[in-house]
Amino acid sequence: FLKNVQDSLFRSEGRLIVGAGLKDLVVVDTLDATLIANKNSSQDI
């Protein structure tokens, strides 16, 4: 569930993710780990 979020990637494998007032983020939530990163830094992962 997002509000006032642009140009981002949100992926949930189960739990609810709520985002607000964000831009250019990658948020990926799995059963045991969550990644939060600037989208333009994804080469560094």
PDB file of all heavy atoms in Angstrom:
ATOM      1  N   PHE A   1       0.867  -1.180   0.000  1.00  0.00           N
ATOM      2  CA  PHE A   1       0.000   0.000   0.000  1.00  0.00           C
ATOM      3  C   PHE A   1       0.902   1.228   0.000  1.00  0.00           C
ATOM      4  O   PHE A   1       1.737   1.403   0.889  1.00  0.00           O
ATOM      5  CB  PHE A   1      -0.920   0.022   1.225  1.00  0.00           C
ATOM      6  CG  PHE A   1      -1.871   1.187   1.242  1.00  0.00           C
ATOM      7  CD1 PHE A   1      -3.072   1.120   0.555  1.00  0.00           C
ATOM      8  CD2 PHE A   1      -1.552   2.352   1.943  1.00  0.00           C
ATOM      9  CE1 PHE A   1      -3.949   2.198   0.561  1.00  0.00           C
ATOM     10  CE2 PHE A   1      -2.415   3.432   1.958  1.00  0.00           C
ATOM     11  CZ  PHE A   1      -3.626   3.356   1.255  1.00  0.00           C
ATOM     12  N   LEU A   2       0.730   2.094  -1.008  1.00  0.00           N
ATOM     13  CA  LEU A   2       1.591   3.257  -1.167  1.00  0.00           C
ATOM     14  C   LEU A   2       0.780   4.540  -1.223  1.00  0.00           C
ATOM     15  O   LEU A   2      -0.319   4.572  -1.786  1.00  0.00           O
ATOM     16  CB  LEU A   2       2.421   3.140  -2.447  1.00  0.00           C
ATOM     17  CG  LEU A   2       3.300   1.893  -2.602  1.00  0.00           C
ATOM     18  CD1 LEU A   2       3.994   1.912  -3.947  1.00  0.00           C
ATOM     19  CD2 LEU A   2       4.306   1.781  -1.458  1.00  0.00           C
ATOM     20  N   LYS A   3       1.360   5.614  -0.656  1.00  0.00           N
ATOM     21  CA  LYS A   3       0.768   6.947  -0.760  1.00  0.00           C
ATOM     22  C   LYS A   3       1.882   7.950  -1.012  1.00  0.00           C
ATOM     23  O   LYS A   3       2.877   7.985  -0.283  1.00  0.00           O
ATOM     24  CB  LYS A   3       0.009   7.301   0.520  1.00  0.00           C
ATOM     25  CG  LYS A   3      -0.673   8.675   0.441  1.00  0.00           C
ATOM     26  CD  LYS A   3      -1.450   8.981   1.718  1.00  0.00           C
ATOM     27  CE  LYS A   3      -2.133  10.351   1.614  1.00  0.00           C
ATOM     28  NZ  LYS A   3      -2.875  10.690   2.846  1.00  0.00           N
ATOM     29  N   ASN A   4       1.714   8.726  -2.079  1.00  0.00           N
ATOM     30  CA  ASN A   4       2.704   9.739  -2.448  1.00  0.00           C
ATOM     31  C   ASN A   4       4.093   9.105  -2.617  1.00  0.00           C
ATOM     32  O   ASN A   4       5.091   9.569  -2.073  1.00  0.00           O
ATOM     33  CB  ASN A   4       2.765  10.856  -1.403  1.00  0.00           C
ATOM     34  CG  ASN A   4       3.563  12.058  -1.896  1.00  0.00           C
ATOM     35  OD1 ASN A   4       3.708  12.260  -3.102  1.00  0.00           O
ATOM     36  ND2 ASN A   4       4.098  12.842  -0.972  1.00  0.00           N
ATOM     37  N   VAL A   5       4.132   8.024  -3.392  1.00  0.00           N
ATOM     38  CA  VAL A   5       5.385   7.325  -3.721  1.00  0.00           C
ATOM     39  C   VAL A   5       5.536   7.306  -5.236  1.00  0.00           C
ATOM     40  O   VAL A   5       4.580   6.999  -5.957  1.00  0.00           O
ATOM     41  CB  VAL A   5       5.389   5.884  -3.163  1.00  0.00           C
ATOM     42  CG1 VAL A   5       6.641   5.138  -3.604  1.00  0.00           C
ATOM     43  CG2 VAL A   5       5.278   5.901  -1.642  1.00  0.00           C
ATOM     44  N   GLN A   6       6.729   7.631  -5.725  1.00  0.00           N
ATOM     45  CA  GLN A   6       6.961   7.663  -7.169  1.00  0.00           C
ATOM     46  C   GLN A   6       8.262   6.930  -7.522  1.00  0.00           C
ATOM     47  O   GLN A   6       9.190   6.834  -6.716  1.00  0.00           O
ATOM     48  CB  GLN A   6       7.074   9.108  -7.690  1.00  0.00           C
ATOM     49  CG  GLN A   6       5.821   9.943  -7.584  1.00  0.00           C
ATOM     50  CD  GLN A   6       5.710  10.664  -6.257  1.00  0.00           C
ATOM     51  OE1 GLN A   6       6.715  11.083  -5.690  1.00  0.00           O
ATOM     52  NE2 GLN A   6       4.489  10.797  -5.754  1.00  0.00           N
ATOM     53  N   ASP A   7       8.286   6.423  -8.768  1.00  0.00           N
ATOM     54  CA  ASP A   7       9.510   5.892  -9.396  1.00  0.00           C
ATOM     55  C   ASP A   7      10.199   4.844  -8.537  1.00  0.00           C
ATOM     56  O   ASP A   7      11.430   4.810  -8.432  1.00  0.00           O
ATOM     57  CB  ASP A   7      10.489   7.033  -9.694  1.00  0.00           C
ATOM     58  CG  ASP A   7       9.897   8.067 -10.635  1.00  0.00           C
ATOM     59  OD1 ASP A   7       9.389   7.666 -11.696  1.00  0.00           O
ATOM     60  OD2 ASP A   7       9.925   9.267 -10.295  1.00  0.00           O
ATOM     61  N   SER A   8       9.425   3.970  -7.931  1.00  0.00           N
ATOM     62  CA  SER A   8       9.984   2.998  -6.991  1.00  0.00           C
ATOM     63  C   SER A   8       9.538   1.576  -7.317  1.00  0.00           C
ATOM     64  O   SER A   8       8.601   1.356  -8.098  1.00  0.00           O
ATOM     65  CB  SER A   8       9.576   3.351  -5.550  1.00  0.00           C
ATOM     66  OG  SER A   8      10.117   4.592  -5.163  1.00  0.00           O
ATOM     67  N   LEU A   9      10.224   0.620  -6.703  1.00  0.00           N
ATOM     68  CA  LEU A   9       9.885  -0.805  -6.820  1.00  0.00           C
ATOM     69  C   LEU A   9       9.617  -1.340  -5.428  1.00  0.00           C
ATOM     70  O   LEU A   9      10.479  -1.242  -4.548  1.00  0.00           O
ATOM     71  CB  LEU A   9      11.035  -1.566  -7.484  1.00  0.00           C
ATOM     72  CG  LEU A   9      10.850  -3.069  -7.769  1.00  0.00           C
ATOM     73  CD1 LEU A   9      11.760  -3.498  -8.932  1.00  0.00           C
ATOM     74  CD2 LEU A   9      11.149  -3.947  -6.551  1.00  0.00           C
ATOM     75  N   PHE A  10       8.429  -1.869  -5.206  1.00  0.00           N
ATOM     76  CA  PHE A  10       8.053  -2.494  -3.940  1.00  0.00           C
ATOM     77  C   PHE A  10       7.610  -3.923  -4.235  1.00  0.00           C
ATOM     78  O   PHE A  10       6.736  -4.141  -5.081  1.00  0.00           O
ATOM     79  CB  PHE A  10       6.915  -1.738  -3.257  1.00  0.00           C
ATOM     80  CG  PHE A  10       7.356  -0.511  -2.511  1.00  0.00           C
ATOM     81  CD1 PHE A  10       7.747   0.640  -3.186  1.00  0.00           C
ATOM     82  CD2 PHE A  10       7.398  -0.505  -1.123  1.00  0.00           C
ATOM     83  CE1 PHE A  10       8.150   1.774  -2.506  1.00  0.00           C
ATOM     84  CE2 PHE A  10       7.803   0.631  -0.426  1.00  0.00           C
ATOM     85  CZ  PHE A  10       8.180   1.774  -1.116  1.00  0.00           C
ATOM     86  N   ARG A  11       8.190  -4.875  -3.527  1.00  0.00           N
ATOM     87  CA  ARG A  11       7.823  -6.281  -3.717  1.00  0.00           C
ATOM     88  C   ARG A  11       7.717  -6.960  -2.357  1.00  0.00           C
ATOM     89  O   ARG A  11       8.668  -6.945  -1.571  1.00  0.00           O
ATOM     90  CB  ARG A  11       8.846  -7.017  -4.585  1.00  0.00           C
ATOM     91  CG  ARG A  11       8.446  -8.462  -4.887  1.00  0.00           C
ATOM     92  CD  ARG A  11       9.446  -9.151  -5.785  1.00  0.00           C
ATOM     93  NE  ARG A  11       9.024 -10.517  -6.060  1.00  0.00           N
ATOM     94  CZ  ARG A  11       8.685 -10.989  -7.258  1.00  0.00           C
ATOM     95  NH1 ARG A  11       8.727 -10.183  -8.310  1.00  0.00           N
ATOM     96  NH2 ARG A  11       8.317 -12.241  -7.430  1.00  0.00           N
ATOM     97  N   SER A  12       6.547  -7.555  -2.100  1.00  0.00           N
ATOM     98  CA  SER A  12       6.324  -8.289  -0.857  1.00  0.00           C
ATOM     99  C   SER A  12       6.043  -9.748  -1.179  1.00  0.00           C
ATOM    100  O   SER A  12       5.207 -10.052  -2.033  1.00  0.00           O
ATOM    101  CB  SER A  12       5.143  -7.706  -0.085  1.00  0.00           C
ATOM    102  OG  SER A  12       4.784  -8.566   0.987  1.00  0.00           O
ATOM    103  N   GLU A  13       6.722 -10.632  -0.465  1.00  0.00           N
ATOM    104  CA  GLU A  13       6.479 -12.064  -0.610  1.00  0.00           C
ATOM    105  C   GLU A  13       5.527 -12.584   0.460  1.00  0.00           C
ATOM    106  O   GLU A  13       5.349 -13.792   0.584  1.00  0.00           O
ATOM    107  CB  GLU A  13       7.802 -12.826  -0.535  1.00  0.00           C
ATOM    108  CG  GLU A  13       8.771 -12.496  -1.651  1.00  0.00           C
ATOM    109  CD  GLU A  13       8.230 -12.838  -3.023  1.00  0.00           C
ATOM    110  OE1 GLU A  13       7.958 -14.021  -3.284  1.00  0.00           O
ATOM    111  OE2 GLU A  13       8.056 -11.901  -3.839  1.00  0.00           O
ATOM    112  N   GLY A  14       4.904 -11.687   1.222  1.00  0.00           N
ATOM    113  CA  GLY A  14       3.968 -12.136   2.251  1.00  0.00           C
ATOM    114  C   GLY A  14       3.400 -11.005   3.086  1.00  0.00           C
ATOM    115  O   GLY A  14       2.222 -10.711   3.048  1.00  0.00           O
ATOM    116  N   ARG A  15       4.255 -10.305   3.823  1.00  0.00           N
ATOM    117  CA  ARG A  15       3.802  -9.276   4.740  1.00  0.00           C
ATOM    118  C   ARG A  15       3.367  -8.008   3.994  1.00  0.00           C
ATOM    119  O   ARG A  15       3.802  -7.750   2.873  1.00  0.00           O
ATOM    120  CB  ARG A  15       4.908  -8.930   5.728  1.00  0.00           C
ATOM    121  CG  ARG A  15       5.187 -10.033   6.721  1.00  0.00           C
ATOM    122  CD  ARG A  15       6.339  -9.670   7.628  1.00  0.00           C
ATOM    123  NE  ARG A  15       7.601  -9.580   6.904  1.00  0.00           N
ATOM    124  CZ  ARG A  15       8.793  -9.540   7.500  1.00  0.00           C
ATOM    125  NH1 ARG A  15       8.861  -9.554   8.805  1.00  0.00           N
ATOM    126  NH2 ARG A  15       9.893  -9.468   6.791  1.00  0.00           N
ATOM    127  N   LEU A  16       2.525  -7.227   4.673  1.00  0.00           N
ATOM    128  CA  LEU A  16       2.096  -5.945   4.127  1.00  0.00           C
ATOM    129  C   LEU A  16       3.248  -4.947   4.213  1.00  0.00           C
ATOM    130  O   LEU A  16       3.858  -4.768   5.263  1.00  0.00           O
ATOM    131  CB  LEU A  16       0.893  -5.418   4.919  1.00  0.00           C
ATOM    132  CG  LEU A  16       0.440  -3.981   4.610  1.00  0.00           C
ATOM    133  CD1 LEU A  16      -0.065  -3.865   3.174  1.00  0.00           C
ATOM    134  CD2 LEU A  16      -0.614  -3.533   5.608  1.00  0.00           C
ATOM    135  N   ILE A  17       3.537  -4.275   3.093  1.00  0.00           N
ATOM    136  CA  ILE A  17       4.491  -3.161   3.070  1.00  0.00           C
ATOM    137  C   ILE A  17       3.702  -1.883   2.844  1.00  0.00           C
ATOM    138  O   ILE A  17       2.907  -1.790   1.901  1.00  0.00           O
ATOM    139  CB  ILE A  17       5.531  -3.310   1.955  1.00  0.00           C
ATOM    140  CG1 ILE A  17       6.293  -4.632   2.066  1.00  0.00           C
ATOM    141  CG2 ILE A  17       6.513  -2.150   1.980  1.00  0.00           C
ATOM    142  CD1 ILE A  17       7.284  -4.851   0.942  1.00  0.00           C
ATOM    143  N   VAL A  18       3.930  -0.885   3.671  1.00  0.00           N
ATOM    144  CA  VAL A  18       3.277   0.414   3.532  1.00  0.00           C
ATOM    145  C   VAL A  18       4.357   1.469   3.329  1.00  0.00           C
ATOM    146  O   VAL A  18       5.328   1.539   4.090  1.00  0.00           O
ATOM    147  CB  VAL A  18       2.431   0.757   4.773  1.00  0.00           C
ATOM    148  CG1 VAL A  18       1.786   2.128   4.624  1.00  0.00           C
ATOM    149  CG2 VAL A  18       1.368  -0.317   5.001  1.00  0.00           C
ATOM    150  N   GLY A  19       4.193   2.293   2.280  1.00  0.00           N
ATOM    151  CA  GLY A  19       5.155   3.347   2.009  1.00  0.00           C
ATOM    152  C   GLY A  19       4.474   4.687   1.829  1.00  0.00           C
ATOM    153  O   GLY A  19       3.358   4.753   1.291  1.00  0.00           O
ATOM    154  N   ALA A  20       5.135   5.766   2.242  1.00  0.00           N
ATOM    155  CA  ALA A  20       4.560   7.109   2.097  1.00  0.00           C
ATOM    156  C   ALA A  20       5.679   8.128   1.905  1.00  0.00           C
ATOM    157  O   ALA A  20       6.724   8.048   2.567  1.00  0.00           O
ATOM    158  CB  ALA A  20       3.724   7.474   3.323  1.00  0.00           C
ATOM    159  N   GLY A  21       5.440   9.069   0.973  1.00  0.00           N
ATOM    160  CA  GLY A  21       6.367  10.166   0.769  1.00  0.00           C
ATOM    161  C   GLY A  21       7.746   9.732   0.325  1.00  0.00           C
ATOM    162  O   GLY A  21       8.744  10.249   0.836  1.00  0.00           O
ATOM    163  N   LEU A  22       7.820   8.819  -0.640  1.00  0.00           N
ATOM    164  CA  LEU A  22       9.105   8.237  -1.041  1.00  0.00           C
ATOM    165  C   LEU A  22       9.302   8.353  -2.554  1.00  0.00           C
ATOM    166  O   LEU A  22       8.344   8.478  -3.315  1.00  0.00           O
ATOM    167  CB  LEU A  22       9.174   6.767  -0.631  1.00  0.00           C
ATOM    168  CG  LEU A  22       8.985   6.474   0.867  1.00  0.00           C
ATOM    169  CD1 LEU A  22       8.795   4.987   1.094  1.00  0.00           C
ATOM    170  CD2 LEU A  22      10.165   6.998   1.668  1.00  0.00           C
ATOM    171  N   LYS A  23      10.562   8.234  -2.987  1.00  0.00           N
ATOM    172  CA  LYS A  23      10.893   8.308  -4.402  1.00  0.00           C
ATOM    173  C   LYS A  23      12.195   7.545  -4.656  1.00  0.00           C
ATOM    174  O   LYS A  23      13.102   7.548  -3.827  1.00  0.00           O
ATOM    175  CB  LYS A  23      11.054   9.776  -4.833  1.00  0.00           C
ATOM    176  CG  LYS A  23      11.305   9.995  -6.334  1.00  0.00           C
ATOM    177  CD  LYS A  23      11.404  11.486  -6.646  1.00  0.00           C
ATOM    178  CE  LYS A  23      11.773  11.746  -8.103  1.00  0.00           C
ATOM    179  NZ  LYS A  23      10.743  11.265  -9.045  1.00  0.00           N
ATOM    180  N   ASP A  24      12.243   6.842  -5.799  1.00  0.00           N
ATOM    181  CA  ASP A  24      13.456   6.164  -6.263  1.00  0.00           C
ATOM    182  C   ASP A  24      13.974   5.127  -5.270  1.00  0.00           C
ATOM    183  O   ASP A  24      15.186   5.015  -5.025  1.00  0.00           O
ATOM    184  CB  ASP A  24      14.570   7.165  -6.563  1.00  0.00           C
ATOM    185  CG  ASP A  24      14.290   7.987  -7.807  1.00  0.00           C
ATOM    186  OD1 ASP A  24      13.662   7.451  -8.746  1.00  0.00           O
ATOM    187  OD2 ASP A  24      14.693   9.162  -7.850  1.00  0.00           O
ATOM    188  N   LEU A  25      13.045   4.357  -4.685  1.00  0.00           N
ATOM    189  CA  LEU A  25      13.445   3.309  -3.743  1.00  0.00           C
ATOM    190  C   LEU A  25      13.217   1.924  -4.335  1.00  0.00           C
ATOM    191  O   LEU A  25      12.348   1.717  -5.183  1.00  0.00           O
ATOM    192  CB  LEU A  25      12.658   3.421  -2.440  1.00  0.00           C
ATOM    193  CG  LEU A  25      13.098   4.435  -1.396  1.00  0.00           C
ATOM    194  CD1 LEU A  25      12.305   4.237  -0.124  1.00  0.00           C
ATOM    195  CD2 LEU A  25      14.593   4.336  -1.117  1.00  0.00           C
ATOM    196  N   VAL A  26      14.000   0.973  -3.835  1.00  0.00           N
ATOM    197  CA  VAL A  26      13.734  -0.452  -4.020  1.00  0.00           C
ATOM    198  C   VAL A  26      13.490  -1.035  -2.640  1.00  0.00           C
ATOM    199  O   VAL A  26      14.346  -0.920  -1.748  1.00  0.00           O
ATOM    200  CB  VAL A  26      14.921  -1.179  -4.689  1.00  0.00           C
ATOM    201  CG1 VAL A  26      14.719  -2.682  -4.627  1.00  0.00           C
ATOM    202  CG2 VAL A  26      15.083  -0.726  -6.128  1.00  0.00           C
ATOM    203  N   VAL A  27      12.322  -1.642  -2.435  1.00  0.00           N
ATOM    204  CA  VAL A  27      11.990  -2.308  -1.179  1.00  0.00           C
ATOM    205  C   VAL A  27      11.513  -3.717  -1.518  1.00  0.00           C
ATOM    206  O   VAL A  27      10.497  -3.882  -2.196  1.00  0.00           O
ATOM    207  CB  VAL A  27      10.900  -1.545  -0.393  1.00  0.00           C
ATOM    208  CG1 VAL A  27      10.567  -2.281   0.898  1.00  0.00           C
ATOM    209  CG2 VAL A  27      11.356  -0.121  -0.091  1.00  0.00           C
ATOM    210  N   VAL A  28      12.254  -4.711  -1.060  1.00  0.00           N
ATOM    211  CA  VAL A  28      11.924  -6.107  -1.343  1.00  0.00           C
ATOM    212  C   VAL A  28      11.901  -6.864  -0.024  1.00  0.00           C
ATOM    213  O   VAL A  28      12.920  -6.931   0.680  1.00  0.00           O
ATOM    214  CB  VAL A  28      12.950  -6.755  -2.299  1.00  0.00           C
ATOM    215  CG1 VAL A  28      12.558  -8.198  -2.591  1.00  0.00           C
ATOM    216  CG2 VAL A  28      13.053  -5.955  -3.592  1.00  0.00           C
ATOM    217  N   ASP A  29      10.756  -7.421   0.321  1.00  0.00           N
ATOM    218  CA  ASP A  29      10.575  -8.107   1.599  1.00  0.00           C
ATOM    219  C   ASP A  29      10.292  -9.581   1.347  1.00  0.00           C
ATOM    220  O   ASP A  29       9.339  -9.941   0.649  1.00  0.00           O
ATOM    221  CB  ASP A  29       9.412  -7.480   2.374  1.00  0.00           C
ATOM    222  CG  ASP A  29       9.228  -8.121   3.731  1.00  0.00           C
ATOM    223  OD1 ASP A  29      10.188  -8.112   4.520  1.00  0.00           O
ATOM    224  OD2 ASP A  29       8.134  -8.646   4.000  1.00  0.00           O
ATOM    225  N   THR A  30      11.145 -10.470   1.910  1.00  0.00           N
ATOM    226  CA  THR A  30      10.950 -11.908   1.813  1.00  0.00           C
ATOM    227  C   THR A  30      10.680 -12.469   3.200  1.00  0.00           C
ATOM    228  O   THR A  30      10.537 -11.724   4.171  1.00  0.00           O
ATOM    229  CB  THR A  30      12.182 -12.582   1.182  1.00  0.00           C
ATOM    230  OG1 THR A  30      13.303 -12.425   2.071  1.00  0.00           O
ATOM    231  CG2 THR A  30      12.515 -11.968  -0.169  1.00  0.00           C
ATOM    232  N   LEU A  31      10.647 -13.787   3.318  1.00  0.00           N
ATOM    233  CA  LEU A  31      10.338 -14.416   4.596  1.00  0.00           C
ATOM    234  C   LEU A  31      11.353 -14.077   5.676  1.00  0.00           C
ATOM    235  O   LEU A  31      11.021 -14.009   6.856  1.00  0.00           O
ATOM    236  CB  LEU A  31      10.267 -15.936   4.420  1.00  0.00           C
ATOM    237  CG  LEU A  31       9.082 -16.476   3.621  1.00  0.00           C
ATOM    238  CD1 LEU A  31       9.278 -17.960   3.341  1.00  0.00           C
ATOM    239  CD2 LEU A  31       7.783 -16.244   4.378  1.00  0.00           C
ATOM    240  N   ASP A  32      12.617 -13.860   5.267  1.00  0.00           N
ATOM    241  CA  ASP A  32      13.659 -13.715   6.280  1.00  0.00           C
ATOM    242  C   ASP A  32      14.571 -12.523   6.089  1.00  0.00           C
ATOM    243  O   ASP A  32      15.506 -12.332   6.870  1.00  0.00           O
ATOM    244  CB  ASP A  32      14.519 -14.990   6.316  1.00  0.00           C
ATOM    245  CG  ASP A  32      15.191 -15.262   4.983  1.00  0.00           C
ATOM    246  OD1 ASP A  32      14.736 -14.723   3.960  1.00  0.00           O
ATOM    247  OD2 ASP A  32      16.177 -16.027   4.963  1.00  0.00           O
ATOM    248  N   ALA A  33      14.345 -11.719   5.064  1.00  0.00           N
ATOM    249  CA  ALA A  33      15.226 -10.576   4.837  1.00  0.00           C
ATOM    250  C   ALA A  33      14.473  -9.487   4.084  1.00  0.00           C
ATOM    251  O   ALA A  33      13.599  -9.777   3.257  1.00  0.00           O
ATOM    252  CB  ALA A  33      16.463 -10.996   4.050  1.00  0.00           C
ATOM    253  N   THR A  34      14.836  -8.232   4.365  1.00  0.00           N
ATOM    254  CA  THR A  34      14.225  -7.087   3.695  1.00  0.00           C
ATOM    255  C   THR A  34      15.334  -6.181   3.164  1.00  0.00           C
ATOM    256  O   THR A  34      16.262  -5.831   3.893  1.00  0.00           O
ATOM    257  CB  THR A  34      13.348  -6.282   4.663  1.00  0.00           C
ATOM    258  OG1 THR A  34      12.335  -7.132   5.209  1.00  0.00           O
ATOM    259  CG2 THR A  34      12.687  -5.113   3.954  1.00  0.00           C
ATOM    260  N   LEU A  35      15.224  -5.833   1.901  1.00  0.00           N
ATOM    261  CA  LEU A  35      16.163  -4.906   1.275  1.00  0.00           C
ATOM    262  C   LEU A  35      15.500  -3.544   1.101  1.00  0.00           C
ATOM    263  O   LEU A  35      14.385  -3.449   0.587  1.00  0.00           O
ATOM    264  CB  LEU A  35      16.596  -5.437  -0.098  1.00  0.00           C
ATOM    265  CG  LEU A  35      17.381  -4.450  -0.969  1.00  0.00           C
ATOM    266  CD1 LEU A  35      18.780  -4.223  -0.403  1.00  0.00           C
ATOM    267  CD2 LEU A  35      17.458  -4.932  -2.411  1.00  0.00           C
ATOM    268  N   ILE A  36      16.195  -2.495   1.514  1.00  0.00           N
ATOM    269  CA  ILE A  36      15.765  -1.117   1.270  1.00  0.00           C
ATOM    270  C   ILE A  36      16.958  -0.396   0.657  1.00  0.00           C
ATOM    271  O   ILE A  36      18.022  -0.295   1.295  1.00  0.00           O
ATOM    272  CB  ILE A  36      15.313  -0.408   2.560  1.00  0.00           C
ATOM    273  CG1 ILE A  36      14.206  -1.199   3.252  1.00  0.00           C
ATOM    274  CG2 ILE A  36      14.848   1.011   2.258  1.00  0.00           C
ATOM    275  CD1 ILE A  36      13.854  -0.689   4.637  1.00  0.00           C
ATOM    276  N   ALA A  37      16.824   0.071  -0.577  1.00  0.00           N
ATOM    277  CA  ALA A  37      17.959   0.675  -1.265  1.00  0.00           C
ATOM    278  C   ALA A  37      17.493   1.769  -2.208  1.00  0.00           C
ATOM    279  O   ALA A  37      16.346   1.767  -2.672  1.00  0.00           O
ATOM    280  CB  ALA A  37      18.724  -0.394  -2.057  1.00  0.00           C
ATOM    281  N   ASN A  38      18.389   2.688  -2.499  1.00  0.00           N
ATOM    282  CA  ASN A  38      18.129   3.644  -3.563  1.00  0.00           C
ATOM    283  C   ASN A  38      18.141   2.910  -4.893  1.00  0.00           C
ATOM    284  O   ASN A  38      19.045   2.115  -5.169  1.00  0.00           O
ATOM    285  CB  ASN A  38      19.208   4.735  -3.555  1.00  0.00           C
ATOM    286  CG  ASN A  38      18.918   5.844  -4.559  1.00  0.00           C
ATOM    287  OD1 ASN A  38      18.989   5.622  -5.766  1.00  0.00           O
ATOM    288  ND2 ASN A  38      18.621   7.021  -4.061  1.00  0.00           N
ATOM    289  N   LYS A  39      17.130   3.140  -5.697  1.00  0.00           N
ATOM    290  CA  LYS A  39      17.004   2.406  -6.956  1.00  0.00           C
ATOM    291  C   LYS A  39      18.235   2.569  -7.842  1.00  0.00           C
ATOM    292  O   LYS A  39      18.653   1.630  -8.535  1.00  0.00           O
ATOM    293  CB  LYS A  39      15.754   2.884  -7.700  1.00  0.00           C
ATOM    294  CG  LYS A  39      15.453   2.118  -8.974  1.00  0.00           C
ATOM    295  CD  LYS A  39      14.140   2.538  -9.573  1.00  0.00           C
ATOM    296  CE  LYS A  39      14.279   3.751 -10.465  1.00  0.00           C
ATOM    297  NZ  LYS A  39      13.833   5.010  -9.909  1.00  0.00           N
ATOM    298  N   ASN A  40      18.842   3.745  -7.803  1.00  0.00           N
ATOM    299  CA  ASN A  40      19.994   4.021  -8.661  1.00  0.00           C
ATOM    300  C   ASN A  40      21.294   3.450  -8.115  1.00  0.00           C
ATOM    301  O   ASN A  40      22.338   3.590  -8.748  1.00  0.00           O
ATOM    302  CB  ASN A  40      20.129   5.533  -8.865  1.00  0.00           C
ATOM    303  CG  ASN A  40      18.917   6.121  -9.569  1.00  0.00           C
ATOM    304  OD1 ASN A  40      18.476   5.608 -10.591  1.00  0.00           O
ATOM    305  ND2 ASN A  40      18.345   7.181  -9.002  1.00  0.00           N
ATOM    306  N   SER A  41      21.229   2.790  -6.964  1.00  0.00           N
ATOM    307  CA  SER A  41      22.406   2.136  -6.391  1.00  0.00           C
ATOM    308  C   SER A  41      22.295   0.618  -6.456  1.00  0.00           C
ATOM    309  O   SER A  41      23.054  -0.095  -5.786  1.00  0.00           O
ATOM    310  CB  SER A  41      22.600   2.572  -4.926  1.00  0.00           C
ATOM    311  OG  SER A  41      22.777   3.965  -4.835  1.00  0.00           O
ATOM    312  N   SER A  42      21.366   0.104  -7.251  1.00  0.00           N
ATOM    313  CA  SER A  42      21.120  -1.342  -7.247  1.00  0.00           C
ATOM    314  C   SER A  42      22.280  -2.141  -7.814  1.00  0.00           C
ATOM    315  O   SER A  42      22.382  -3.349  -7.587  1.00  0.00           O
ATOM    316  CB  SER A  42      19.823  -1.669  -7.988  1.00  0.00           C
ATOM    317  OG  SER A  42      19.864  -1.214  -9.324  1.00  0.00           O
ATOM    318  N   GLN A  43      23.197  -1.488  -8.563  1.00  0.00           N
ATOM    319  CA  GLN A  43      24.395  -2.200  -9.028  1.00  0.00           C
ATOM    320  C   GLN A  43      25.280  -2.616  -7.856  1.00  0.00           C
ATOM    321  O   GLN A  43      26.107  -3.519  -7.974  1.00  0.00           O
ATOM    322  CB  GLN A  43      25.192  -1.306  -9.990  1.00  0.00           C
ATOM    323  CG  GLN A  43      24.598  -1.164 -11.383  1.00  0.00           C
ATOM    324  CD  GLN A  43      24.954  -2.325 -12.295  1.00  0.00           C
ATOM    325  OE1 GLN A  43      25.483  -3.334 -11.832  1.00  0.00           O
ATOM    326  NE2 GLN A  43      24.648  -2.200 -13.575  1.00  0.00           N
ATOM    327  N   ASP A  44      25.125  -1.938  -6.707  1.00  0.00           N
ATOM    328  CA  ASP A  44      25.994  -2.198  -5.555  1.00  0.00           C
ATOM    329  C   ASP A  44      25.535  -3.388  -4.715  1.00  0.00           C
ATOM    330  O   ASP A  44      26.233  -3.777  -3.770  1.00  0.00           O
ATOM    331  CB  ASP A  44      26.051  -0.960  -4.650  1.00  0.00           C
ATOM    332  CG  ASP A  44      26.591   0.262  -5.368  1.00  0.00           C
ATOM    333  OD1 ASP A  44      27.388   0.084  -6.308  1.00  0.00           O
ATOM    334  OD2 ASP A  44      26.205   1.389  -5.002  1.00  0.00           O
ATOM    335  N   ILE A  45      24.390  -3.967  -5.033  1.00  0.00           N
ATOM    336  CA  ILE A  45      23.830  -5.009  -4.174  1.00  0.00           C
ATOM    337  C   ILE A  45      24.696  -6.266  -4.173  1.00  0.00           C
ATOM    338  O   ILE A  45      24.839  -6.941  -3.153  1.00  0.00           O
ATOM    339  CB  ILE A  45      22.368  -5.311  -4.578  1.00  0.00           C
ATOM    340  CG1 ILE A  45      21.498  -4.101  -4.221  1.00  0.00           C
ATOM    341  CG2 ILE A  45      21.847  -6.566  -3.895  1.00  0.00           C
ATOM    342  CD1 ILE A  45      20.071  -4.213  -4.663  1.00  0.00           C
TER     343      ILE A  45
END
